[in-house]
Each structure stands twice: as structure tokens, then as C-alpha cells.
């Protein structure tokens, strides 16, 4: 059960050949909990996507993102699990 509705953290993860700062914000809507994630691309534009828990694993729930984001999905999931303990 969700004890604290707000959880916000940043985590440095290597993605697309570069170390990038991913910002996570736990959100809730209806009966689901998800993380809103944003990270700057090479030009400084924000790439924004959500991650949802499916079958015990945190998965990217957005389709229109650069290819280097899904390549880092395992590291993103590990960052979420680290901060949920």
C-alpha cells in the first residue's frame, strides 16, 4: 500500500553513451501508481515519460521517446526500486 503519496528524487544513469540526470516523481491516479520521469536530451530539451509497474517490474509507459531511453529501462527500474525501500 502507498504510505506517502509524494516521492521525488534524481538519479544519474548512463544512457545513450552519456551520464544523464533523470528526475523521478511518484504520482497516483485512480488505483494506479506511476513515476513521471524527465531527462534532458543533447540539446537541453526535456524528454518526459511515465513508468508503471507491470507484473512486479517498472516499465516505460510512453511511446514517443528517443531510443536511448528504453535502452536504459533496467537502470531506471533499479533506481525506482532503490528509492522505494
PDB file of N, CA and C in Angstrom:
ATOM      1  N   UNK A   1       0.842  -1.190   0.000  1.00  0.00           N
ATOM      2  CA  UNK A   1       0.000   0.000   0.000  1.00  0.00           C
ATOM      3  C   UNK A   1       0.878   1.240   0.000  1.00  0.00           C
ATOM      4  N   UNK A   2       0.434   2.256  -0.655  1.00  0.00           N
ATOM      5  CA  UNK A   2       1.173   3.511  -0.764  1.00  0.00           C
ATOM      6  C   UNK A   2       1.047   4.287   0.534  1.00  0.00           C
ATOM      7  N   UNK A   3       2.171   4.497   1.239  1.00  0.00           N
ATOM      8  CA  UNK A   3       2.117   5.202   2.514  1.00  0.00           C
ATOM      9  C   UNK A   3       2.316   6.690   2.352  1.00  0.00           C
ATOM     10  N   UNK A   4       3.183   7.106   1.472  1.00  0.00           N
ATOM     11  CA  UNK A   4       3.422   8.515   1.222  1.00  0.00           C
ATOM     12  C   UNK A   4       3.177   8.782  -0.257  1.00  0.00           C
ATOM     13  N   UNK A   5       2.226   9.658  -0.577  1.00  0.00           N
ATOM     14  CA  UNK A   5       1.908   9.858  -1.983  1.00  0.00           C
ATOM     15  C   UNK A   5       3.007  10.567  -2.773  1.00  0.00           C
ATOM     16  N   UNK A   6       3.863  11.303  -2.098  1.00  0.00           N
ATOM     17  CA  UNK A   6       4.874  12.067  -2.820  1.00  0.00           C
ATOM     18  C   UNK A   6       6.262  11.475  -2.587  1.00  0.00           C
ATOM     19  N   UNK A   7       6.940  11.192  -3.666  1.00  0.00           N
ATOM     20  CA  UNK A   7       8.330  10.756  -3.627  1.00  0.00           C
ATOM     21  C   UNK A   7       8.999  11.364  -4.845  1.00  0.00           C
ATOM     22  N   UNK A   8      10.034  12.150  -4.606  1.00  0.00           N
ATOM     23  CA  UNK A   8      10.737  12.817  -5.693  1.00  0.00           C
ATOM     24  C   UNK A   8      12.231  12.611  -5.481  1.00  0.00           C
ATOM     25  N   UNK A   9      12.926  12.225  -6.557  1.00  0.00           N
ATOM     26  CA  UNK A   9      14.371  12.033  -6.461  1.00  0.00           C
ATOM     27  C   UNK A   9      14.995  12.140  -7.838  1.00  0.00           C
ATOM     28  N   UNK A  10      16.289  12.340  -7.872  1.00  0.00           N
ATOM     29  CA  UNK A  10      17.073  12.361  -9.109  1.00  0.00           C
ATOM     30  C   UNK A  10      18.102  11.256  -9.043  1.00  0.00           C
ATOM     31  N   UNK A  11      18.447  10.709 -10.195  1.00  0.00           N
ATOM     32  CA  UNK A  11      19.416   9.621 -10.239  1.00  0.00           C
ATOM     33  C   UNK A  11      20.226   9.753 -11.533  1.00  0.00           C
ATOM     34  N   UNK A  12      21.543   9.673 -11.435  1.00  0.00           N
ATOM     35  CA  UNK A  12      22.401   9.719 -12.616  1.00  0.00           C
ATOM     36  C   UNK A  12      22.525   8.321 -13.209  1.00  0.00           C
ATOM     37  N   UNK A  13      22.188   8.217 -14.491  1.00  0.00           N
ATOM     38  CA  UNK A  13      22.188   6.937 -15.185  1.00  0.00           C
ATOM     39  C   UNK A  13      22.842   7.136 -16.550  1.00  0.00           C
ATOM     40  N   UNK A  14      23.673   6.176 -16.947  1.00  0.00           N
ATOM     41  CA  UNK A  14      24.282   6.248 -18.274  1.00  0.00           C
ATOM     42  C   UNK A  14      23.262   5.773 -19.307  1.00  0.00           C
ATOM     43  N   UNK A  15      22.978   6.656 -20.263  1.00  0.00           N
ATOM     44  CA  UNK A  15      22.013   6.347 -21.323  1.00  0.00           C
ATOM     45  C   UNK A  15      22.458   7.059 -22.589  1.00  0.00           C
ATOM     46  N   UNK A  16      22.410   6.363 -23.698  1.00  0.00           N
ATOM     47  CA  UNK A  16      22.823   6.968 -24.960  1.00  0.00           C
ATOM     48  C   UNK A  16      24.281   7.375 -24.962  1.00  0.00           C
ATOM     49  N   UNK A  17      25.119   6.629 -24.247  1.00  0.00           N
ATOM     50  CA  UNK A  17      26.554   6.912 -24.214  1.00  0.00           C
ATOM     51  C   UNK A  17      26.961   8.076 -23.326  1.00  0.00           C
ATOM     52  N   UNK A  18      26.000   8.617 -22.570  1.00  0.00           N
ATOM     53  CA  UNK A  18      26.294   9.761 -21.690  1.00  0.00           C
ATOM     54  C   UNK A  18      25.679   9.541 -20.318  1.00  0.00           C
ATOM     55  N   UNK A  19      26.283  10.137 -19.308  1.00  0.00           N
ATOM     56  CA  UNK A  19      25.701  10.144 -17.975  1.00  0.00           C
ATOM     57  C   UNK A  19      24.651  11.244 -17.943  1.00  0.00           C
ATOM     58  N   UNK A  20      23.424  10.871 -17.580  1.00  0.00           N
ATOM     59  CA  UNK A  20      22.315  11.820 -17.598  1.00  0.00           C
ATOM     60  C   UNK A  20      21.610  11.833 -16.252  1.00  0.00           C
ATOM     61  N   UNK A  21      21.069  12.990 -15.896  1.00  0.00           N
ATOM     62  CA  UNK A  21      20.323  13.119 -14.649  1.00  0.00           C
ATOM     63  C   UNK A  21      18.835  12.922 -14.931  1.00  0.00           C
ATOM     64  N   UNK A  22      18.294  11.809 -14.450  1.00  0.00           N
ATOM     65  CA  UNK A  22      16.875  11.501 -14.573  1.00  0.00           C
ATOM     66  C   UNK A  22      16.177  11.964 -13.301  1.00  0.00           C
ATOM     67  N   UNK A  23      15.074  12.676 -13.455  1.00  0.00           N
ATOM     68  CA  UNK A  23      14.284  13.169 -12.325  1.00  0.00           C
ATOM     69  C   UNK A  23      12.992  12.370 -12.247  1.00  0.00           C
ATOM     70  N   UNK A  24      12.704  11.823 -11.082  1.00  0.00           N
ATOM     71  CA  UNK A  24      11.553  10.957 -10.870  1.00  0.00           C
ATOM     72  C   UNK A  24      10.571  11.627  -9.910  1.00  0.00           C
ATOM     73  N   UNK A  25       9.283  11.490 -10.196  1.00  0.00           N
ATOM     74  CA  UNK A  25       8.232  11.975  -9.316  1.00  0.00           C
ATOM     75  C   UNK A  25       7.131  10.937  -9.285  1.00  0.00           C
ATOM     76  N   UNK A  26       6.878  10.371  -8.082  1.00  0.00           N
ATOM     77  CA  UNK A  26       5.813   9.369  -7.959  1.00  0.00           C
ATOM     78  C   UNK A  26       4.470  10.088  -7.958  1.00  0.00           C
ATOM     79  N   UNK A  27       3.557   9.588  -8.774  1.00  0.00           N
ATOM     80  CA  UNK A  27       2.213  10.160  -8.898  1.00  0.00           C
ATOM     81  C   UNK A  27       1.203   9.034  -8.745  1.00  0.00           C
ATOM     82  N   UNK A  28      -0.015   9.395  -8.446  1.00  0.00           N
ATOM     83  CA  UNK A  28      -1.085   8.414  -8.343  1.00  0.00           C
ATOM     84  C   UNK A  28      -2.319   8.955  -9.038  1.00  0.00           C
ATOM     85  N   UNK A  29      -2.991   8.075  -9.779  1.00  0.00           N
ATOM     86  CA  UNK A  29      -4.285   8.422 -10.348  1.00  0.00           C
ATOM     87  C   UNK A  29      -5.153   7.185 -10.279  1.00  0.00           C
ATOM     88  N   UNK A  30      -6.366   7.366  -9.866  1.00  0.00           N
ATOM     89  CA  UNK A  30      -7.289   6.251  -9.645  1.00  0.00           C
ATOM     90  C   UNK A  30      -6.637   5.265  -8.688  1.00  0.00           C
ATOM     91  N   UNK A  31      -6.510   4.029  -9.114  1.00  0.00           N
ATOM     92  CA  UNK A  31      -5.900   2.997  -8.265  1.00  0.00           C
ATOM     93  C   UNK A  31      -4.492   2.649  -8.700  1.00  0.00           C
ATOM     94  N   UNK A  32      -3.904   3.430  -9.606  1.00  0.00           N
ATOM     95  CA  UNK A  32      -2.569   3.096 -10.090  1.00  0.00           C
ATOM     96  C   UNK A  32      -1.545   4.123  -9.619  1.00  0.00           C
ATOM     97  N   UNK A  33      -0.345   3.639  -9.446  1.00  0.00           N
ATOM     98  CA  UNK A  33       0.787   4.479  -9.074  1.00  0.00           C
ATOM     99  C   UNK A  33       1.780   4.423 -10.220  1.00  0.00           C
ATOM    100  N   UNK A  34       2.346   5.559 -10.561  1.00  0.00           N
ATOM    101  CA  UNK A  34       3.328   5.592 -11.628  1.00  0.00           C
ATOM    102  C   UNK A  34       4.372   6.648 -11.308  1.00  0.00           C
ATOM    103  N   UNK A  35       5.476   6.595 -12.012  1.00  0.00           N
ATOM    104  CA  UNK A  35       6.517   7.605 -11.881  1.00  0.00           C
ATOM    105  C   UNK A  35       6.559   8.438 -13.152  1.00  0.00           C
ATOM    106  N   UNK A  36       6.514   9.737 -12.962  1.00  0.00           N
ATOM    107  CA  UNK A  36       6.702  10.699 -14.043  1.00  0.00           C
ATOM    108  C   UNK A  36       8.210  10.955 -14.077  1.00  0.00           C
ATOM    109  N   UNK A  37       8.846  10.785 -15.233  1.00  0.00           N
ATOM    110  CA  UNK A  37      10.301  10.896 -15.342  1.00  0.00           C
ATOM    111  C   UNK A  37      10.642  11.928 -16.408  1.00  0.00           C
ATOM    112  N   UNK A  38      11.648  12.754 -16.126  1.00  0.00           N
ATOM    113  CA  UNK A  38      12.137  13.662 -17.157  1.00  0.00           C
ATOM    114  C   UNK A  38      13.654  13.698 -17.132  1.00  0.00           C
ATOM    115  N   UNK A  39      14.227  13.958 -18.324  1.00  0.00           N
ATOM    116  CA  UNK A  39      15.676  13.959 -18.505  1.00  0.00           C
ATOM    117  C   UNK A  39      15.986  14.865 -19.691  1.00  0.00           C
ATOM    118  N   UNK A  40      17.065  15.638 -19.635  1.00  0.00           N
ATOM    119  CA  UNK A  40      17.400  16.471 -20.794  1.00  0.00           C
ATOM    120  C   UNK A  40      18.070  15.643 -21.903  1.00  0.00           C
ATOM    121  N   UNK A  41      17.791  16.011 -23.151  1.00  0.00           N
ATOM    122  CA  UNK A  41      18.491  15.388 -24.270  1.00  0.00           C
ATOM    123  C   UNK A  41      19.760  16.179 -24.576  1.00  0.00           C
ATOM    124  N   UNK A  42      20.415  15.867 -25.673  1.00  0.00           N
ATOM    125  CA  UNK A  42      21.685  16.510 -26.027  1.00  0.00           C
ATOM    126  C   UNK A  42      21.549  18.015 -26.257  1.00  0.00           C
ATOM    127  N   UNK A  43      20.358  18.461 -26.661  1.00  0.00           N
ATOM    128  CA  UNK A  43      20.130  19.877 -26.954  1.00  0.00           C
ATOM    129  C   UNK A  43      19.540  20.634 -25.766  1.00  0.00           C
ATOM    130  N   UNK A  44      19.348  19.940 -24.642  1.00  0.00           N
ATOM    131  CA  UNK A  44      18.786  20.580 -23.459  1.00  0.00           C
ATOM    132  C   UNK A  44      17.270  20.524 -23.394  1.00  0.00           C
ATOM    133  N   UNK A  45      16.624  19.909 -24.387  1.00  0.00           N
ATOM    134  CA  UNK A  45      15.167  19.741 -24.358  1.00  0.00           C
ATOM    135  C   UNK A  45      14.812  18.643 -23.367  1.00  0.00           C
ATOM    136  N   UNK A  46      13.695  18.785 -22.685  1.00  0.00           N
ATOM    137  CA  UNK A  46      13.274  17.779 -21.708  1.00  0.00           C
ATOM    138  C   UNK A  46      12.568  16.628 -22.411  1.00  0.00           C
ATOM    139  N   UNK A  47      12.987  15.418 -22.108  1.00  0.00           N
ATOM    140  CA  UNK A  47      12.310  14.205 -22.559  1.00  0.00           C
ATOM    141  C   UNK A  47      11.480  13.751 -21.365  1.00  0.00           C
ATOM    142  N   UNK A  48      10.174  13.634 -21.551  1.00  0.00           N
ATOM    143  CA  UNK A  48       9.256  13.323 -20.464  1.00  0.00           C
ATOM    144  C   UNK A  48       8.527  12.021 -20.775  1.00  0.00           C
ATOM    145  N   UNK A  49       8.463  11.136 -19.778  1.00  0.00           N
ATOM    146  CA  UNK A  49       7.761   9.863 -19.954  1.00  0.00           C
ATOM    147  C   UNK A  49       7.326   9.333 -18.606  1.00  0.00           C
ATOM    148  N   UNK A  50       6.473   8.324 -18.612  1.00  0.00           N
ATOM    149  CA  UNK A  50       5.991   7.684 -17.388  1.00  0.00           C
ATOM    150  C   UNK A  50       6.503   6.262 -17.312  1.00  0.00           C
ATOM    151  N   UNK A  51       6.623   5.785 -16.071  1.00  0.00           N
ATOM    152  CA  UNK A  51       6.937   4.378 -15.829  1.00  0.00           C
ATOM    153  C   UNK A  51       5.867   3.817 -14.906  1.00  0.00           C
ATOM    154  N   UNK A  52       5.320   2.643 -15.266  1.00  0.00           N
ATOM    155  CA  UNK A  52       4.290   1.994 -14.488  1.00  0.00           C
ATOM    156  C   UNK A  52       4.740   0.602 -14.096  1.00  0.00           C
ATOM    157  N   UNK A  53       4.238   0.152 -12.958  1.00  0.00           N
ATOM    158  CA  UNK A  53       4.570  -1.198 -12.505  1.00  0.00           C
ATOM    159  C   UNK A  53       3.638  -2.193 -13.187  1.00  0.00           C
ATOM    160  N   UNK A  54       4.250  -3.178 -13.853  1.00  0.00           N
ATOM    161  CA  UNK A  54       3.502  -4.241 -14.529  1.00  0.00           C
ATOM    162  C   UNK A  54       4.143  -5.574 -14.191  1.00  0.00           C
ATOM    163  N   UNK A  55       3.388  -6.426 -13.544  1.00  0.00           N
ATOM    164  CA  UNK A  55       3.893  -7.751 -13.205  1.00  0.00           C
ATOM    165  C   UNK A  55       5.115  -7.714 -12.304  1.00  0.00           C
ATOM    166  N   UNK A  56       5.172  -6.745 -11.407  1.00  0.00           N
ATOM    167  CA  UNK A  56       6.286  -6.643 -10.470  1.00  0.00           C
ATOM    168  C   UNK A  56       7.508  -5.918 -11.008  1.00  0.00           C
ATOM    169  N   UNK A  57       7.433  -5.438 -12.254  1.00  0.00           N
ATOM    170  CA  UNK A  57       8.563  -4.714 -12.852  1.00  0.00           C
ATOM    171  C   UNK A  57       8.098  -3.332 -13.295  1.00  0.00           C
ATOM    172  N   UNK A  58       8.975  -2.350 -13.189  1.00  0.00           N
ATOM    173  CA  UNK A  58       8.675  -0.990 -13.636  1.00  0.00           C
ATOM    174  C   UNK A  58       9.053  -0.861 -15.103  1.00  0.00           C
ATOM    175  N   UNK A  59       8.065  -0.519 -15.926  1.00  0.00           N
ATOM    176  CA  UNK A  59       8.244  -0.450 -17.378  1.00  0.00           C
ATOM    177  C   UNK A  59       7.888   0.942 -17.900  1.00  0.00           C
ATOM    178  N   UNK A  60       8.548   1.352 -18.970  1.00  0.00           N
ATOM    179  CA  UNK A  60       8.258   2.625 -19.621  1.00  0.00           C
ATOM    180  C   UNK A  60       6.881   2.525 -20.268  1.00  0.00           C
ATOM    181  N   UNK A  61       6.043   3.533 -20.013  1.00  0.00           N
ATOM    182  CA  UNK A  61       4.662   3.513 -20.500  1.00  0.00           C
ATOM    183  C   UNK A  61       4.422   4.528 -21.610  1.00  0.00           C
ATOM    184  N   UNK A  62       5.460   5.123 -22.141  1.00  0.00           N
ATOM    185  CA  UNK A  62       5.326   6.138 -23.189  1.00  0.00           C
ATOM    186  C   UNK A  62       5.955   5.617 -24.482  1.00  0.00           C
ATOM    187  N   UNK A  63       5.405   6.051 -25.603  1.00  0.00           N
ATOM    188  CA  UNK A  63       5.891   5.552 -26.888  1.00  0.00           C
ATOM    189  C   UNK A  63       6.797   6.544 -27.615  1.00  0.00           C
ATOM    190  N   UNK A  64       6.556   7.814 -27.512  1.00  0.00           N
ATOM    191  CA  UNK A  64       7.292   8.823 -28.275  1.00  0.00           C
ATOM    192  C   UNK A  64       8.501   9.330 -27.500  1.00  0.00           C
ATOM    193  N   UNK A  65       9.524   8.493 -27.411  1.00  0.00           N
ATOM    194  CA  UNK A  65      10.745   8.858 -26.686  1.00  0.00           C
ATOM    195  C   UNK A  65      11.960   8.441 -27.510  1.00  0.00           C
ATOM    196  N   UNK A  66      13.098   9.087 -27.294  1.00  0.00           N
ATOM    197  CA  UNK A  66      14.311   8.700 -28.031  1.00  0.00           C
ATOM    198  C   UNK A  66      14.709   7.255 -27.711  1.00  0.00           C
ATOM    199  N   UNK A  67      15.389   6.618 -28.658  1.00  0.00           N
ATOM    200  CA  UNK A  67      15.743   5.191 -28.495  1.00  0.00           C
ATOM    201  C   UNK A  67      16.671   4.927 -27.323  1.00  0.00           C
ATOM    202  N   UNK A  68      17.436   5.925 -26.866  1.00  0.00           N
ATOM    203  CA  UNK A  68      18.349   5.697 -25.750  1.00  0.00           C
ATOM    204  C   UNK A  68      17.614   5.570 -24.413  1.00  0.00           C
ATOM    205  N   UNK A  69      16.362   6.014 -24.337  1.00  0.00           N
ATOM    206  CA  UNK A  69      15.609   5.886 -23.080  1.00  0.00           C
ATOM    207  C   UNK A  69      15.242   4.427 -22.815  1.00  0.00           C
ATOM    208  N   UNK A  70      14.582   3.710 -23.742  1.00  0.00           N
ATOM    209  CA  UNK A  70      14.266   2.302 -23.472  1.00  0.00           C
ATOM    210  C   UNK A  70      15.508   1.433 -23.239  1.00  0.00           C
ATOM    211  N   UNK A  71      16.630   1.816 -23.824  1.00  0.00           N
ATOM    212  CA  UNK A  71      17.865   1.057 -23.604  1.00  0.00           C
ATOM    213  C   UNK A  71      18.310   1.137 -22.141  1.00  0.00           C
ATOM    214  N   UNK A  72      17.859   2.155 -21.421  1.00  0.00           N
ATOM    215  CA  UNK A  72      18.229   2.333 -20.012  1.00  0.00           C
ATOM    216  C   UNK A  72      17.119   1.873 -19.064  1.00  0.00           C
ATOM    217  N   UNK A  73      16.108   1.178 -19.581  1.00  0.00           N
ATOM    218  CA  UNK A  73      14.946   0.803 -18.764  1.00  0.00           C
ATOM    219  C   UNK A  73      15.319   0.006 -17.515  1.00  0.00           C
ATOM    220  N   UNK A  74      16.245  -0.935 -17.625  1.00  0.00           N
ATOM    221  CA  UNK A  74      16.646  -1.726 -16.448  1.00  0.00           C
ATOM    222  C   UNK A  74      17.270  -0.849 -15.369  1.00  0.00           C
ATOM    223  N   UNK A  75      18.081   0.110 -15.774  1.00  0.00           N
ATOM    224  CA  UNK A  75      18.705   1.028 -14.807  1.00  0.00           C
ATOM    225  C   UNK A  75      17.670   1.960 -14.190  1.00  0.00           C
ATOM    226  N   UNK A  76      16.697   2.383 -14.981  1.00  0.00           N
ATOM    227  CA  UNK A  76      15.616   3.224 -14.461  1.00  0.00           C
ATOM    228  C   UNK A  76      14.801   2.459 -13.425  1.00  0.00           C
ATOM    229  N   UNK A  77      14.490   1.203 -13.735  1.00  0.00           N
ATOM    230  CA  UNK A  77      13.745   0.355 -12.795  1.00  0.00           C
ATOM    231  C   UNK A  77      14.549   0.169 -11.496  1.00  0.00           C
ATOM    232  N   UNK A  78      15.846  -0.070 -11.607  1.00  0.00           N
ATOM    233  CA  UNK A  78      16.687  -0.249 -10.422  1.00  0.00           C
ATOM    234  C   UNK A  78      16.684   1.007  -9.559  1.00  0.00           C
ATOM    235  N   UNK A  79      16.701   2.180 -10.176  1.00  0.00           N
ATOM    236  CA  UNK A  79      16.666   3.443  -9.428  1.00  0.00           C
ATOM    237  C   UNK A  79      15.357   3.577  -8.662  1.00  0.00           C
ATOM    238  N   UNK A  80      14.251   3.222  -9.297  1.00  0.00           N
ATOM    239  CA  UNK A  80      12.948   3.286  -8.617  1.00  0.00           C
ATOM    240  C   UNK A  80      12.921   2.331  -7.436  1.00  0.00           C
ATOM    241  N   UNK A  81      13.329   1.099  -7.661  1.00  0.00           N
ATOM    242  CA  UNK A  81      13.296   0.098  -6.575  1.00  0.00           C
ATOM    243  C   UNK A  81      14.214   0.503  -5.418  1.00  0.00           C
ATOM    244  N   UNK A  82      15.343   1.124  -5.727  1.00  0.00           N
ATOM    245  CA  UNK A  82      16.262   1.588  -4.685  1.00  0.00           C
ATOM    246  C   UNK A  82      15.600   2.630  -3.788  1.00  0.00           C
ATOM    247  N   UNK A  83      14.780   3.498  -4.359  1.00  0.00           N
ATOM    248  CA  UNK A  83      14.164   4.567  -3.590  1.00  0.00           C
ATOM    249  C   UNK A  83      12.832   4.160  -2.949  1.00  0.00           C
ATOM    250  N   UNK A  84      12.307   3.006  -3.292  1.00  0.00           N
ATOM    251  CA  UNK A  84      11.070   2.539  -2.688  1.00  0.00           C
ATOM    252  C   UNK A  84      11.281   1.787  -1.383  1.00  0.00           C
ATOM    253  N   UNK A  85      12.503   1.421  -1.084  1.00  0.00           N
ATOM    254  CA  UNK A  85      12.763   0.665   0.159  1.00  0.00           C
ATOM    255  C   UNK A  85      12.776   1.558   1.368  1.00  0.00           C
TER     256      UNK A  85
END
